[in-house]
N, C-alpha and C. Protein backbone atom coordinates (compact mmCIF):
# COMPACT_ATOMS: atom_id res chain seq x y z
N MET A 1 39.25 12.75 9.32
CA MET A 1 38.38 13.26 8.29
C MET A 1 39.06 14.45 7.62
N GLY A 2 39.12 14.42 6.32
CA GLY A 2 39.79 15.50 5.61
C GLY A 2 38.92 16.72 5.48
N GLU A 3 39.55 17.84 5.15
CA GLU A 3 38.80 19.07 4.98
C GLU A 3 38.07 19.05 3.64
N ARG A 4 36.82 19.53 3.65
CA ARG A 4 36.03 19.66 2.43
C ARG A 4 35.72 21.13 2.23
N ASP A 5 35.52 21.49 1.01
CA ASP A 5 35.14 22.88 0.74
C ASP A 5 33.64 23.06 0.91
N ASP A 6 33.23 24.24 1.36
CA ASP A 6 31.80 24.51 1.44
C ASP A 6 31.28 24.80 0.04
N PRO A 7 29.93 24.77 -0.15
CA PRO A 7 29.38 24.94 -1.50
C PRO A 7 29.81 26.24 -2.19
N ALA A 8 30.02 27.29 -1.43
CA ALA A 8 30.42 28.56 -2.04
C ALA A 8 31.91 28.58 -2.36
N GLY A 9 32.66 27.63 -1.81
CA GLY A 9 34.09 27.56 -2.07
C GLY A 9 34.89 28.59 -1.30
N ASP A 10 34.31 29.22 -0.27
CA ASP A 10 34.99 30.28 0.45
C ASP A 10 36.06 29.77 1.39
N ARG A 11 35.77 28.72 2.14
CA ARG A 11 36.72 28.21 3.11
C ARG A 11 36.37 26.77 3.42
N SER A 12 37.26 26.07 4.04
CA SER A 12 36.99 24.66 4.34
C SER A 12 36.00 24.55 5.49
N VAL A 13 35.24 23.45 5.51
CA VAL A 13 34.26 23.22 6.55
C VAL A 13 34.94 23.15 7.91
N ALA A 14 36.09 22.50 7.98
CA ALA A 14 36.80 22.35 9.25
C ALA A 14 37.17 23.70 9.86
N ALA A 15 37.31 24.72 9.04
CA ALA A 15 37.73 26.03 9.54
C ALA A 15 36.55 26.89 9.99
N MET A 16 35.33 26.45 9.72
CA MET A 16 34.17 27.26 10.12
C MET A 16 34.04 27.25 11.64
N PRO A 17 33.73 28.39 12.25
CA PRO A 17 33.64 28.45 13.71
C PRO A 17 32.48 27.61 14.24
N GLU A 18 32.74 26.78 15.23
CA GLU A 18 31.74 25.98 15.94
C GLU A 18 30.85 25.17 15.02
N GLY A 19 31.37 24.69 13.94
CA GLY A 19 30.60 23.79 13.07
C GLY A 19 29.95 24.50 11.91
N LEU A 20 29.56 23.72 10.95
CA LEU A 20 29.02 24.22 9.69
C LEU A 20 27.74 25.03 9.87
N TRP A 21 26.86 24.61 10.80
CA TRP A 21 25.54 25.21 10.87
C TRP A 21 25.42 26.32 11.92
N THR A 22 26.48 26.65 12.60
CA THR A 22 26.42 27.70 13.61
C THR A 22 26.37 29.07 12.94
N GLN A 23 25.47 29.90 13.40
CA GLN A 23 25.35 31.26 12.87
C GLN A 23 25.91 32.23 13.90
N PRO A 24 26.67 33.22 13.46
CA PRO A 24 27.18 34.20 14.42
C PRO A 24 26.04 35.06 14.94
N PRO A 25 26.16 35.58 16.16
CA PRO A 25 25.10 36.44 16.70
C PRO A 25 24.97 37.71 15.86
N VAL A 26 23.76 38.21 15.76
CA VAL A 26 23.50 39.44 15.00
C VAL A 26 23.74 40.62 15.93
N GLU A 27 24.53 41.56 15.49
CA GLU A 27 24.82 42.76 16.27
C GLU A 27 23.90 43.88 15.77
N VAL A 28 23.14 44.51 16.69
CA VAL A 28 22.24 45.60 16.30
C VAL A 28 22.39 46.85 17.17
N PRO A 29 23.57 47.12 17.74
CA PRO A 29 23.66 48.30 18.61
C PRO A 29 23.43 49.61 17.85
N GLU A 30 23.78 49.64 16.56
CA GLU A 30 23.62 50.89 15.81
C GLU A 30 22.15 51.25 15.58
N LEU A 31 21.23 50.31 15.78
CA LEU A 31 19.81 50.60 15.60
C LEU A 31 19.18 51.20 16.84
N ASP A 32 19.89 51.15 17.97
CA ASP A 32 19.42 51.70 19.23
C ASP A 32 18.06 51.12 19.64
N MET A 33 17.93 49.78 19.49
CA MET A 33 16.71 49.10 19.93
C MET A 33 17.05 47.67 20.32
N GLU A 34 16.15 47.09 21.08
CA GLU A 34 16.35 45.72 21.52
C GLU A 34 16.04 44.75 20.37
N GLN A 35 16.85 43.71 20.28
CA GLN A 35 16.66 42.70 19.23
C GLN A 35 15.35 41.93 19.46
N VAL A 36 14.60 41.68 18.39
CA VAL A 36 13.38 40.87 18.46
C VAL A 36 13.79 39.41 18.59
N ARG A 37 13.31 38.75 19.64
CA ARG A 37 13.69 37.36 19.88
C ARG A 37 12.60 36.37 19.49
N ARG A 38 11.36 36.82 19.49
CA ARG A 38 10.26 35.92 19.14
C ARG A 38 9.08 36.73 18.63
N VAL A 39 8.41 36.18 17.63
CA VAL A 39 7.18 36.76 17.10
C VAL A 39 6.14 35.66 17.12
N THR A 40 4.98 35.94 17.69
CA THR A 40 3.90 34.96 17.73
C THR A 40 2.81 35.41 16.77
N GLU A 41 2.51 34.57 15.79
CA GLU A 41 1.48 34.87 14.79
C GLU A 41 0.63 33.63 14.59
N PRO A 42 -0.68 33.79 14.37
CA PRO A 42 -1.50 32.62 14.06
C PRO A 42 -1.12 32.07 12.69
N ALA A 43 -1.22 30.75 12.54
CA ALA A 43 -0.90 30.11 11.27
C ALA A 43 -1.94 29.04 10.96
N THR A 44 -2.18 28.84 9.69
CA THR A 44 -3.11 27.81 9.24
C THR A 44 -2.41 26.99 8.16
N LEU A 45 -2.61 25.70 8.23
CA LEU A 45 -2.04 24.81 7.23
C LEU A 45 -3.17 24.00 6.63
N VAL A 46 -3.38 24.14 5.35
CA VAL A 46 -4.41 23.39 4.64
C VAL A 46 -3.68 22.44 3.70
N TYR A 47 -4.05 21.16 3.74
CA TYR A 47 -3.38 20.20 2.88
C TYR A 47 -4.37 19.15 2.42
N THR A 48 -4.01 18.46 1.37
CA THR A 48 -4.81 17.36 0.85
C THR A 48 -4.04 16.08 1.08
N TYR A 49 -4.70 15.09 1.65
CA TYR A 49 -4.07 13.81 1.95
C TYR A 49 -4.67 12.75 1.04
N THR A 50 -3.84 12.03 0.33
CA THR A 50 -4.28 10.93 -0.51
C THR A 50 -3.87 9.65 0.20
N PRO A 51 -4.83 8.88 0.72
CA PRO A 51 -4.49 7.77 1.61
C PRO A 51 -3.88 6.54 0.96
N GLY A 52 -4.07 6.28 -0.29
CA GLY A 52 -3.57 5.05 -0.88
C GLY A 52 -4.50 3.89 -0.54
N LEU A 53 -4.21 2.70 -1.08
CA LEU A 53 -5.12 1.56 -0.93
C LEU A 53 -5.25 1.08 0.51
N ALA A 54 -4.13 0.88 1.20
CA ALA A 54 -4.18 0.34 2.56
C ALA A 54 -4.91 1.29 3.51
N GLN A 55 -4.57 2.56 3.46
CA GLN A 55 -5.23 3.54 4.32
C GLN A 55 -6.70 3.71 3.95
N THR A 56 -7.02 3.61 2.67
CA THR A 56 -8.42 3.71 2.24
C THR A 56 -9.24 2.58 2.85
N ARG A 57 -8.70 1.36 2.84
CA ARG A 57 -9.41 0.23 3.46
C ARG A 57 -9.64 0.49 4.94
N PHE A 58 -8.61 0.99 5.63
CA PHE A 58 -8.73 1.28 7.06
C PHE A 58 -9.81 2.34 7.30
N LEU A 59 -9.76 3.45 6.56
CA LEU A 59 -10.70 4.55 6.77
C LEU A 59 -12.13 4.15 6.41
N ARG A 60 -12.29 3.36 5.36
CA ARG A 60 -13.64 2.88 5.02
C ARG A 60 -14.15 1.92 6.09
N GLY A 61 -13.25 1.14 6.67
CA GLY A 61 -13.65 0.27 7.79
C GLY A 61 -14.18 1.10 8.95
N LEU A 62 -13.48 2.19 9.28
CA LEU A 62 -13.96 3.07 10.36
C LEU A 62 -15.35 3.61 10.04
N GLN A 63 -15.56 3.98 8.80
CA GLN A 63 -16.87 4.49 8.39
C GLN A 63 -17.95 3.43 8.61
N GLU A 64 -17.59 2.16 8.49
CA GLU A 64 -18.53 1.05 8.71
C GLU A 64 -18.59 0.62 10.18
N GLY A 65 -17.79 1.26 11.04
CA GLY A 65 -17.78 0.89 12.45
C GLY A 65 -16.89 -0.31 12.75
N ARG A 66 -15.86 -0.52 11.90
CA ARG A 66 -14.93 -1.63 12.09
C ARG A 66 -13.51 -1.10 12.08
N ILE A 67 -12.62 -1.76 12.83
CA ILE A 67 -11.21 -1.41 12.82
C ILE A 67 -10.49 -2.50 12.02
N LEU A 68 -9.93 -2.11 10.88
CA LEU A 68 -9.29 -3.07 9.99
C LEU A 68 -7.78 -2.89 10.01
N GLY A 69 -7.09 -4.00 10.17
CA GLY A 69 -5.64 -4.02 10.08
C GLY A 69 -5.22 -4.88 8.91
N GLU A 70 -3.91 -5.06 8.75
CA GLU A 70 -3.38 -5.86 7.65
C GLU A 70 -2.24 -6.73 8.15
N ARG A 71 -2.05 -7.86 7.46
CA ARG A 71 -0.88 -8.68 7.75
C ARG A 71 -0.35 -9.29 6.46
N ALA A 72 0.93 -9.62 6.49
CA ALA A 72 1.59 -10.25 5.35
C ALA A 72 1.31 -11.74 5.37
N GLU A 73 1.42 -12.37 4.22
CA GLU A 73 1.21 -13.81 4.12
C GLU A 73 2.19 -14.55 5.04
N GLY A 74 1.65 -15.45 5.85
CA GLY A 74 2.47 -16.25 6.77
C GLY A 74 2.85 -15.53 8.05
N ALA A 75 2.48 -14.27 8.20
CA ALA A 75 2.83 -13.49 9.39
C ALA A 75 1.73 -13.62 10.43
N THR A 76 2.07 -13.33 11.68
CA THR A 76 1.07 -13.35 12.75
C THR A 76 0.67 -11.94 13.18
N ASP A 77 1.56 -10.97 13.02
CA ASP A 77 1.27 -9.61 13.48
C ASP A 77 0.33 -8.89 12.53
N VAL A 78 -0.67 -8.22 13.12
CA VAL A 78 -1.63 -7.42 12.36
C VAL A 78 -1.34 -5.95 12.67
N TYR A 79 -1.16 -5.15 11.62
CA TYR A 79 -0.81 -3.74 11.79
C TYR A 79 -2.00 -2.84 11.48
N VAL A 80 -2.26 -1.94 12.42
CA VAL A 80 -3.34 -0.97 12.33
C VAL A 80 -2.68 0.40 12.54
N THR A 81 -2.80 1.33 11.76
CA THR A 81 -3.44 1.40 10.48
C THR A 81 -2.50 0.83 9.43
N GLY A 82 -3.05 0.13 8.46
CA GLY A 82 -2.21 -0.52 7.46
C GLY A 82 -1.51 0.47 6.56
N ARG A 83 -0.33 0.11 6.13
CA ARG A 83 0.44 0.92 5.17
C ARG A 83 0.74 0.13 3.90
N GLY A 84 0.24 -1.11 3.84
CA GLY A 84 0.49 -1.93 2.66
C GLY A 84 1.74 -2.78 2.77
N MET A 85 2.51 -2.60 3.85
CA MET A 85 3.74 -3.36 4.07
C MET A 85 3.83 -3.78 5.52
N ASP A 86 4.39 -4.96 5.75
CA ASP A 86 4.71 -5.39 7.11
C ASP A 86 6.03 -4.70 7.48
N PRO A 87 6.05 -3.83 8.50
CA PRO A 87 7.25 -3.06 8.80
C PRO A 87 8.41 -3.90 9.34
N VAL A 88 8.12 -5.09 9.84
CA VAL A 88 9.18 -5.94 10.37
C VAL A 88 9.73 -6.85 9.28
N LEU A 89 8.84 -7.48 8.53
CA LEU A 89 9.25 -8.43 7.51
C LEU A 89 9.62 -7.76 6.18
N GLY A 90 9.12 -6.54 5.97
CA GLY A 90 9.40 -5.85 4.73
C GLY A 90 8.66 -6.44 3.54
N ARG A 91 7.57 -7.13 3.81
CA ARG A 91 6.79 -7.74 2.73
C ARG A 91 5.44 -7.05 2.62
N ALA A 92 4.86 -7.13 1.43
CA ALA A 92 3.54 -6.55 1.22
C ALA A 92 2.51 -7.27 2.08
N THR A 93 1.58 -6.51 2.62
CA THR A 93 0.47 -7.12 3.35
C THR A 93 -0.55 -7.60 2.33
N THR A 94 -1.10 -8.79 2.58
CA THR A 94 -2.01 -9.40 1.61
C THR A 94 -3.37 -9.71 2.19
N GLU A 95 -3.51 -9.58 3.51
CA GLU A 95 -4.76 -9.96 4.16
C GLU A 95 -5.28 -8.82 5.01
N SER A 96 -6.56 -8.50 4.86
CA SER A 96 -7.22 -7.52 5.70
C SER A 96 -7.84 -8.26 6.88
N VAL A 97 -7.61 -7.77 8.10
CA VAL A 97 -8.05 -8.45 9.32
C VAL A 97 -8.80 -7.46 10.21
N GLU A 98 -10.01 -7.82 10.63
CA GLU A 98 -10.74 -6.98 11.57
C GLU A 98 -10.20 -7.24 12.97
N VAL A 99 -9.89 -6.17 13.70
CA VAL A 99 -9.40 -6.28 15.08
C VAL A 99 -10.36 -5.55 16.00
N GLY A 100 -10.15 -5.75 17.32
CA GLY A 100 -11.00 -5.07 18.30
C GLY A 100 -12.42 -5.58 18.23
N PRO A 101 -13.40 -4.79 18.57
CA PRO A 101 -13.28 -3.37 18.89
C PRO A 101 -12.71 -3.10 20.29
N ASN A 102 -12.84 -4.09 21.19
CA ASN A 102 -12.28 -3.86 22.52
C ASN A 102 -10.77 -3.74 22.42
N ALA A 103 -10.19 -3.03 23.39
CA ALA A 103 -8.77 -2.69 23.30
C ALA A 103 -8.19 -2.50 24.69
N THR A 104 -6.87 -2.28 24.73
CA THR A 104 -6.13 -2.11 25.98
C THR A 104 -5.33 -0.82 25.93
N VAL A 105 -5.36 -0.05 27.02
CA VAL A 105 -4.51 1.15 27.13
C VAL A 105 -3.08 0.68 27.38
N THR A 106 -2.15 1.06 26.48
CA THR A 106 -0.75 0.65 26.63
C THR A 106 0.13 1.78 27.14
N ALA A 107 -0.31 3.01 27.01
CA ALA A 107 0.41 4.18 27.54
C ALA A 107 -0.57 5.34 27.53
N PHE A 108 -0.33 6.32 28.38
CA PHE A 108 -1.23 7.48 28.40
C PHE A 108 -0.56 8.67 29.04
N CYS A 109 -1.15 9.83 28.82
CA CYS A 109 -0.73 11.04 29.52
C CYS A 109 -1.96 11.87 29.82
N VAL A 110 -1.87 12.66 30.86
CA VAL A 110 -2.95 13.56 31.23
C VAL A 110 -2.67 14.91 30.56
N VAL A 111 -3.65 15.39 29.80
CA VAL A 111 -3.51 16.62 29.04
C VAL A 111 -4.19 17.75 29.81
N HIS A 112 -3.44 18.81 30.06
CA HIS A 112 -3.96 19.94 30.83
C HIS A 112 -4.22 21.18 29.96
N ILE A 113 -3.82 21.13 28.70
CA ILE A 113 -4.03 22.26 27.80
C ILE A 113 -4.80 21.74 26.59
N GLY A 114 -6.01 22.25 26.39
CA GLY A 114 -6.84 21.80 25.28
C GLY A 114 -6.28 22.26 23.94
N PHE A 115 -6.67 21.58 22.89
CA PHE A 115 -6.22 21.94 21.55
C PHE A 115 -7.38 21.74 20.58
N GLY A 116 -7.58 22.69 19.72
CA GLY A 116 -8.62 22.57 18.70
C GLY A 116 -10.02 22.78 19.24
N GLU A 117 -10.95 22.91 18.31
CA GLU A 117 -12.34 23.18 18.67
C GLU A 117 -13.03 21.98 19.29
N LYS A 118 -12.57 20.77 18.96
CA LYS A 118 -13.25 19.57 19.43
C LYS A 118 -12.59 18.95 20.66
N ALA A 119 -11.65 19.64 21.26
CA ALA A 119 -10.96 19.09 22.43
C ALA A 119 -11.91 18.97 23.61
N PRO A 120 -11.82 17.86 24.35
CA PRO A 120 -12.66 17.73 25.54
C PRO A 120 -12.19 18.68 26.63
N PRO A 121 -13.01 18.91 27.64
CA PRO A 121 -12.59 19.76 28.76
C PRO A 121 -11.35 19.16 29.44
N THR A 122 -10.46 20.03 29.85
CA THR A 122 -9.24 19.57 30.53
C THR A 122 -9.48 19.46 32.02
N PRO A 123 -8.72 18.61 32.70
CA PRO A 123 -7.76 17.66 32.14
C PRO A 123 -8.48 16.44 31.54
N PHE A 124 -7.85 15.86 30.52
CA PHE A 124 -8.36 14.63 29.92
C PHE A 124 -7.18 13.72 29.61
N VAL A 125 -7.46 12.50 29.18
CA VAL A 125 -6.41 11.51 28.93
C VAL A 125 -6.28 11.24 27.44
N SER A 126 -5.06 11.39 26.95
CA SER A 126 -4.70 10.97 25.60
C SER A 126 -3.91 9.68 25.77
N ALA A 127 -4.23 8.66 24.97
CA ALA A 127 -3.64 7.34 25.22
C ALA A 127 -3.26 6.63 23.94
N LEU A 128 -2.33 5.69 24.09
CA LEU A 128 -2.07 4.69 23.07
C LEU A 128 -2.95 3.50 23.42
N ILE A 129 -3.73 3.06 22.45
CA ILE A 129 -4.74 2.04 22.69
C ILE A 129 -4.54 0.93 21.67
N ARG A 130 -4.29 -0.29 22.15
CA ARG A 130 -4.05 -1.42 21.25
C ARG A 130 -5.31 -2.26 21.12
N PRO A 131 -5.94 -2.23 19.93
CA PRO A 131 -7.12 -3.07 19.72
C PRO A 131 -6.77 -4.55 19.85
N ASP A 132 -7.70 -5.34 20.39
CA ASP A 132 -7.48 -6.78 20.50
C ASP A 132 -7.14 -7.35 19.13
N GLY A 133 -6.07 -8.11 19.06
CA GLY A 133 -5.66 -8.73 17.81
C GLY A 133 -4.66 -7.92 17.02
N ALA A 134 -4.38 -6.68 17.43
CA ALA A 134 -3.43 -5.82 16.71
C ALA A 134 -2.06 -5.88 17.38
N ALA A 135 -1.02 -5.67 16.58
CA ALA A 135 0.35 -5.67 17.10
C ALA A 135 0.79 -4.29 17.57
N VAL A 136 0.08 -3.26 17.16
CA VAL A 136 0.45 -1.88 17.48
C VAL A 136 -0.76 -1.12 18.02
N SER A 137 -0.48 0.04 18.59
CA SER A 137 -1.52 0.85 19.21
C SER A 137 -1.91 2.03 18.34
N LEU A 138 -3.10 2.56 18.61
CA LEU A 138 -3.62 3.77 17.98
C LEU A 138 -3.66 4.87 19.03
N TYR A 139 -3.64 6.12 18.60
CA TYR A 139 -3.85 7.23 19.52
C TYR A 139 -5.34 7.43 19.72
N GLY A 140 -5.73 7.80 20.93
CA GLY A 140 -7.12 8.09 21.19
C GLY A 140 -7.28 8.83 22.50
N THR A 141 -8.47 9.32 22.74
CA THR A 141 -8.82 10.00 23.97
C THR A 141 -9.68 9.07 24.81
N VAL A 142 -9.37 8.96 26.10
CA VAL A 142 -10.16 8.13 27.01
C VAL A 142 -11.04 9.06 27.83
N LEU A 143 -12.36 8.85 27.73
CA LEU A 143 -13.34 9.62 28.49
C LEU A 143 -14.24 8.65 29.24
N GLY A 144 -15.12 9.18 30.08
CA GLY A 144 -16.05 8.33 30.81
C GLY A 144 -15.48 7.78 32.10
N ILE A 145 -14.34 8.31 32.51
CA ILE A 145 -13.68 7.89 33.75
C ILE A 145 -12.82 9.07 34.21
N PRO A 146 -12.72 9.33 35.52
CA PRO A 146 -11.83 10.40 35.97
C PRO A 146 -10.40 10.16 35.48
N TYR A 147 -9.74 11.22 35.05
CA TYR A 147 -8.40 11.08 34.47
C TYR A 147 -7.42 10.38 35.40
N ASP A 148 -7.59 10.55 36.71
CA ASP A 148 -6.63 9.94 37.64
C ASP A 148 -6.94 8.47 37.93
N GLU A 149 -7.94 7.91 37.26
CA GLU A 149 -8.24 6.48 37.41
C GLU A 149 -7.84 5.67 36.18
N VAL A 150 -7.39 6.35 35.12
CA VAL A 150 -6.92 5.64 33.93
C VAL A 150 -5.60 4.97 34.27
N ARG A 151 -5.38 3.78 33.74
CA ARG A 151 -4.16 3.04 34.05
C ARG A 151 -3.74 2.19 32.86
N ILE A 152 -2.46 1.88 32.81
CA ILE A 152 -1.94 0.98 31.79
C ILE A 152 -2.55 -0.39 32.01
N GLY A 153 -3.00 -1.00 30.92
CA GLY A 153 -3.65 -2.31 31.00
C GLY A 153 -5.16 -2.22 31.08
N MET A 154 -5.70 -1.02 31.27
CA MET A 154 -7.15 -0.85 31.38
C MET A 154 -7.82 -1.22 30.06
N ARG A 155 -8.96 -1.88 30.16
CA ARG A 155 -9.71 -2.31 28.98
C ARG A 155 -10.71 -1.23 28.58
N VAL A 156 -10.77 -0.95 27.28
CA VAL A 156 -11.63 0.10 26.75
C VAL A 156 -12.30 -0.38 25.45
N ARG A 157 -13.28 0.41 25.01
CA ARG A 157 -13.93 0.15 23.72
C ARG A 157 -14.15 1.50 23.03
N PRO A 158 -14.25 1.48 21.70
CA PRO A 158 -14.46 2.74 21.00
C PRO A 158 -15.89 3.23 21.13
N VAL A 159 -16.05 4.53 21.13
CA VAL A 159 -17.37 5.16 21.06
C VAL A 159 -17.43 5.79 19.67
N TRP A 160 -18.38 5.32 18.87
CA TRP A 160 -18.47 5.71 17.48
C TRP A 160 -19.46 6.86 17.28
N LEU A 161 -19.19 7.67 16.28
CA LEU A 161 -20.20 8.63 15.83
C LEU A 161 -21.42 7.85 15.35
N PRO A 162 -22.60 8.45 15.39
CA PRO A 162 -23.75 7.77 14.78
C PRO A 162 -23.43 7.46 13.31
N GLU A 163 -23.92 6.32 12.84
CA GLU A 163 -23.60 5.87 11.49
C GLU A 163 -23.89 6.93 10.43
N SER A 164 -24.97 7.69 10.60
CA SER A 164 -25.34 8.70 9.60
C SER A 164 -24.35 9.87 9.55
N GLU A 165 -23.54 10.03 10.60
CA GLU A 165 -22.58 11.15 10.66
C GLU A 165 -21.17 10.73 10.27
N ARG A 166 -20.93 9.46 10.03
CA ARG A 166 -19.57 8.97 9.74
C ARG A 166 -19.16 9.24 8.30
N SER A 167 -17.88 9.52 8.16
CA SER A 167 -17.25 9.57 6.83
C SER A 167 -15.93 8.82 6.97
N ALA A 168 -15.18 8.74 5.92
CA ALA A 168 -13.94 7.96 5.95
C ALA A 168 -12.82 8.77 6.61
N THR A 169 -12.96 9.00 7.93
CA THR A 169 -11.95 9.72 8.71
C THR A 169 -11.75 9.02 10.05
N PHE A 170 -10.64 9.34 10.70
CA PHE A 170 -10.37 8.77 12.01
C PHE A 170 -11.34 9.31 13.05
N GLU A 171 -12.02 10.40 12.75
CA GLU A 171 -12.96 11.01 13.69
C GLU A 171 -14.23 10.19 13.88
N CYS A 172 -14.36 9.05 13.17
CA CYS A 172 -15.50 8.15 13.38
C CYS A 172 -15.50 7.63 14.82
N ILE A 173 -14.31 7.47 15.40
CA ILE A 173 -14.20 7.10 16.81
C ILE A 173 -14.06 8.41 17.58
N THR A 174 -15.10 8.76 18.35
CA THR A 174 -15.05 10.04 19.06
C THR A 174 -14.11 9.97 20.25
N HIS A 175 -14.09 8.80 20.92
CA HIS A 175 -13.21 8.58 22.06
C HIS A 175 -13.31 7.10 22.44
N TRP A 176 -12.61 6.73 23.49
CA TRP A 176 -12.65 5.37 24.04
C TRP A 176 -13.16 5.46 25.47
N GLU A 177 -13.91 4.44 25.90
CA GLU A 177 -14.44 4.43 27.26
C GLU A 177 -14.13 3.10 27.92
N PRO A 178 -14.04 3.10 29.25
CA PRO A 178 -13.71 1.86 29.96
C PRO A 178 -14.82 0.82 29.84
N ILE A 179 -14.42 -0.45 29.91
CA ILE A 179 -15.38 -1.55 29.92
C ILE A 179 -15.12 -2.39 31.16
N ASP A 180 -16.09 -3.19 31.53
CA ASP A 180 -16.00 -3.99 32.74
C ASP A 180 -15.29 -5.31 32.45
N GLU A 181 -13.99 -5.23 32.24
CA GLU A 181 -13.14 -6.40 32.05
C GLU A 181 -11.89 -6.19 32.89
N PRO A 182 -11.27 -7.27 33.35
CA PRO A 182 -10.05 -7.13 34.14
C PRO A 182 -8.93 -6.48 33.33
N ASP A 183 -8.08 -5.72 34.01
CA ASP A 183 -6.92 -5.11 33.35
C ASP A 183 -6.01 -6.20 32.80
N VAL A 184 -5.31 -5.87 31.72
CA VAL A 184 -4.28 -6.75 31.18
C VAL A 184 -3.01 -6.48 31.99
N PRO A 185 -2.36 -7.52 32.54
CA PRO A 185 -1.14 -7.29 33.31
C PRO A 185 -0.06 -6.60 32.46
N ALA A 186 0.66 -5.68 33.07
CA ALA A 186 1.69 -4.92 32.35
C ALA A 186 2.73 -5.83 31.71
N GLU A 187 3.03 -6.97 32.33
CA GLU A 187 4.03 -7.90 31.77
C GLU A 187 3.60 -8.38 30.38
N GLU A 188 2.30 -8.50 30.16
CA GLU A 188 1.80 -8.97 28.87
C GLU A 188 1.85 -7.88 27.80
N LEU A 189 2.10 -6.66 28.21
CA LEU A 189 2.13 -5.55 27.27
C LEU A 189 3.54 -5.18 26.84
N LYS A 190 4.55 -5.86 27.36
CA LYS A 190 5.93 -5.55 26.98
C LYS A 190 6.07 -5.66 25.47
N GLY A 191 6.73 -4.69 24.89
CA GLY A 191 6.87 -4.65 23.45
C GLY A 191 5.73 -3.92 22.77
N HIS A 192 4.71 -3.55 23.53
CA HIS A 192 3.56 -2.83 22.96
C HIS A 192 3.35 -1.49 23.64
N MET A 193 4.27 -1.09 24.50
CA MET A 193 4.10 0.16 25.24
C MET A 193 4.94 1.25 24.62
């Protein structure tokens, strides 16, 4: 690889010490104080999200108490949440498909540190949950069972907000709870974990 000039034209990239992005340590002995290594400050991020057609269909489905996915013409895989394209085939999705509501836990972790005002008491389980008929999983919280009894392959169903409280947000599903169905064998979940 030949030498290239840096944007300022000062010296070649190959000659820069320890790579282009390495910064030399800051020397502050003349200030007679210890260098600040970390500052912790509260931060807030406010943003506006415009969902587009595919996401709008999905979110409105949640508001109606349905989980809607999408698939491309001639395809078998249904993707939740839809993005308007089949990510494998690279073709536009043309069909809206209702999946679930029952689902399978495909992966999970036990959370010991709560986050946000609506976080459940710790420890709790955050999981990837694949609705029946979907090719991919959604994130969700599993409640209604001790955290140490949750397992891969466990069957669950969504717990919805009351219809009068729903809006077009993912928060329409408050959490997932176990149902009385046999676990799905882990071998059947390969490619979905």
